Protein backbone atom coordinates (compact mmCIF):
# COMPACT_ATOMS: atom_id res chain seq x y z
CA MET A 1 -4.89 -13.30 -14.81
CA THR A 2 -1.46 -12.25 -14.09
CA LEU A 3 1.12 -14.32 -12.25
CA LEU A 4 0.90 -12.12 -9.08
CA GLU A 5 -2.84 -12.57 -9.05
CA ARG A 6 -2.47 -16.36 -9.40
CA LEU A 7 -0.03 -16.63 -6.60
CA ALA A 8 -2.17 -14.35 -4.41
CA ALA A 9 -5.10 -16.71 -5.11
CA ILE A 10 -3.09 -19.88 -4.21
CA ARG A 11 -1.72 -18.17 -1.13
CA ASN A 12 -5.35 -17.41 0.17
CA THR A 13 -6.37 -21.01 -0.07
CA ARG A 14 -7.02 -22.68 3.39
CA MET A 15 -4.44 -25.44 2.87
CA VAL A 16 -1.70 -23.00 2.01
CA GLN A 17 -2.57 -20.78 4.93
CA SER A 18 -2.34 -23.73 7.26
CA MET A 19 1.05 -24.70 5.89
CA LEU A 20 2.41 -21.16 6.16
CA PHE A 21 1.15 -20.94 9.88
CA VAL A 22 2.90 -24.22 10.66
CA LEU A 23 6.14 -23.00 8.91
CA GLY A 24 5.99 -19.93 10.93
CA MET A 25 5.67 -21.83 14.10
CA ILE A 26 8.53 -24.00 13.24
CA LEU A 27 10.71 -21.09 12.29
CA LEU A 28 9.63 -19.06 15.56
CA PHE A 29 9.90 -21.79 18.08
CA VAL A 30 12.40 -24.42 16.77
CA ALA A 31 14.75 -22.93 14.11
CA ALA A 32 15.33 -19.44 15.86
CA PRO A 33 16.32 -21.00 19.27
CA LEU A 34 18.51 -23.41 17.49
CA ALA A 35 20.18 -20.63 15.46
CA SER A 36 20.49 -18.08 18.13
CA PRO A 37 23.75 -19.53 19.77
CA LEU A 38 25.53 -19.08 16.32
CA PRO A 39 27.43 -16.04 15.68
CA GLY A 40 25.31 -13.31 13.91
CA PRO A 41 21.74 -12.44 13.92
CA GLY A 42 20.46 -15.63 12.46
CA GLY A 43 18.17 -16.48 15.17
CA LEU A 44 16.49 -12.97 15.24
CA LEU A 45 15.97 -13.14 11.43
CA LEU A 46 14.35 -16.56 11.84
CA ALA A 47 12.11 -15.47 14.52
CA ALA A 48 11.08 -12.29 12.72
CA ALA A 49 10.38 -14.38 9.59
CA GLY A 50 8.35 -16.77 11.69
CA LEU A 51 6.43 -14.08 13.50
CA THR A 52 5.56 -12.66 10.18
CA LEU A 53 4.20 -15.76 8.70
CA VAL A 54 2.01 -16.48 11.99
CA LEU A 55 0.68 -12.85 12.09
CA ARG A 56 -0.34 -13.06 8.36
CA THR A 57 -2.07 -16.46 8.88
CA SER A 58 -3.70 -16.48 12.20
CA LEU A 59 -6.57 -14.48 13.56
CA TRP A 60 -5.81 -15.45 17.01
CA ALA A 61 -2.24 -14.28 16.62
CA LYS A 62 -3.46 -11.03 15.21
CA ARG A 63 -5.62 -10.40 18.27
CA ARG A 64 -2.83 -11.00 20.53
CA TYR A 65 -0.62 -8.66 18.73
CA VAL A 66 -3.11 -5.96 18.87
CA HIS A 67 -3.17 -6.38 22.71
CA PHE A 68 0.48 -6.36 22.78
CA LYS A 69 0.73 -3.07 20.75
CA ARG A 70 -1.88 -1.40 23.27
CA TRP A 71 0.32 -2.63 26.17
CA GLN A 72 3.76 -1.55 24.45
CA PRO A 73 2.99 1.09 21.84
CA ARG A 74 6.63 1.96 20.97
CA ALA A 75 7.59 -1.72 20.31
CA GLY A 76 4.40 -2.17 18.39
CA THR A 77 5.54 0.59 16.05
CA TRP A 78 8.77 -1.20 15.41
CA PHE A 79 6.93 -4.37 14.87
CA ASP A 80 4.57 -2.61 12.41
CA TRP A 81 7.62 -1.10 10.70
CA GLY A 82 9.35 -4.55 10.37
CA LEU A 83 6.26 -6.11 9.12
CA ARG A 84 5.50 -3.41 6.53
CA ARG A 85 1.99 -3.12 7.69
CA GLY A 86 -0.23 -0.92 5.59
CA SER A 87 -2.35 0.21 8.48
CA ALA A 88 0.73 1.43 10.21
CA LYS A 89 1.76 3.39 7.15
CA ARG A 90 -1.60 5.02 6.95
CA ARG A 91 -1.68 5.89 10.63
CA GLU A 92 1.82 7.55 10.31
CA ALA A 93 0.73 9.55 7.31
CA LEU A 94 -2.32 10.75 9.09
CA ARG A 95 -0.28 11.57 12.32
CA LYS A 96 2.21 13.67 10.19
CA GLU A 97 -0.53 15.45 8.36
CA ARG A 98 -2.29 16.27 11.69
CA GLU A 99 1.00 17.63 13.01
CA ARG A 100 1.42 19.85 10.06
CA ALA A 101 -2.09 21.22 10.23
CA GLU A 102 -1.75 21.93 13.97
CA ALA A 103 1.71 23.50 13.72
CA PRO A 104 1.78 27.39 13.80
CA PRO A 105 3.10 29.23 10.78
CA LEU A 106 6.94 29.45 10.52
CA SER A 107 6.83 33.07 10.99
CA GLU A 108 5.49 32.53 14.56
CA VAL A 109 7.79 29.80 15.61
CA PRO A 110 10.55 31.18 18.09
CA ARG A 111 13.97 30.44 16.89
CA ILE A 112 15.99 27.82 18.70
CA ASP A 113 19.18 27.96 16.64
CA ASP A 114 20.64 30.92 18.69
CA PRO A 115 24.18 29.70 19.49
CA LEU A 116 24.30 31.53 22.87
CA PRO A 117 20.86 31.67 24.30
CA LYS A 118 20.63 33.50 27.56
CA ALA A 119 24.26 32.75 28.32
CA GLY A 120 24.98 36.41 29.61
CA LEU A 121 26.58 37.27 26.39
CA GLU A 122 23.77 39.30 24.87
CA LEU A 123 24.88 42.03 22.69
CA SER A 124 24.34 45.49 24.17
CA PRO A 125 24.17 48.76 22.12
CA VAL A 126 27.52 50.45 21.55
CA ASP A 127 26.11 53.98 21.92
CA PRO A 128 23.38 54.50 24.48
CA THR A 129 20.29 56.25 23.28
CA PRO A 130 19.50 59.79 24.49
CA ALA A 131 16.73 58.46 26.86
CA GLU A 132 19.21 56.08 28.40
CA VAL A 133 21.72 58.76 29.33
CA ALA A 134 21.14 60.32 32.55
CA PRO A 135 21.83 64.08 32.63
CA ALA A 136 24.99 64.84 34.43
CA GLU A 137 24.47 66.36 37.73
CA PRO A 138 27.00 69.29 38.68
CA ALA A 139 29.72 68.35 40.97
CA PRO A 140 28.95 69.55 44.66
CA ARG A 141 31.08 72.53 45.50
CA HIS A 142 32.69 72.67 48.98
């Protein structure tokens, strides 16, 4: 058994989970508000660390987090990114793969990098084609 496997086994015990939950609550509700008046992002970092510990150890907090993500999907995406959640990474990879599959081939995509799109400065042919030239009418004689 490697060291990482031993640490994971210790972390998954009920007593350690309870201690991590309490530590997360202390960081979130005690240390973060005390550190937030100080200069710098200390309070924010402590709150993020506390939230991470609480979400990793509490089923109730995970359910509330899921409700929050459904209510505020953009904020939930940022939280997933900050927590480095595997499920968020899988969802993002699936979304990108689906977008690539649904996208038309590059040969059919209209160009959008035209520097002067419809600005009235479109190029016109220098010499008109014979079809564009109207036959000259003779001048009327008086």
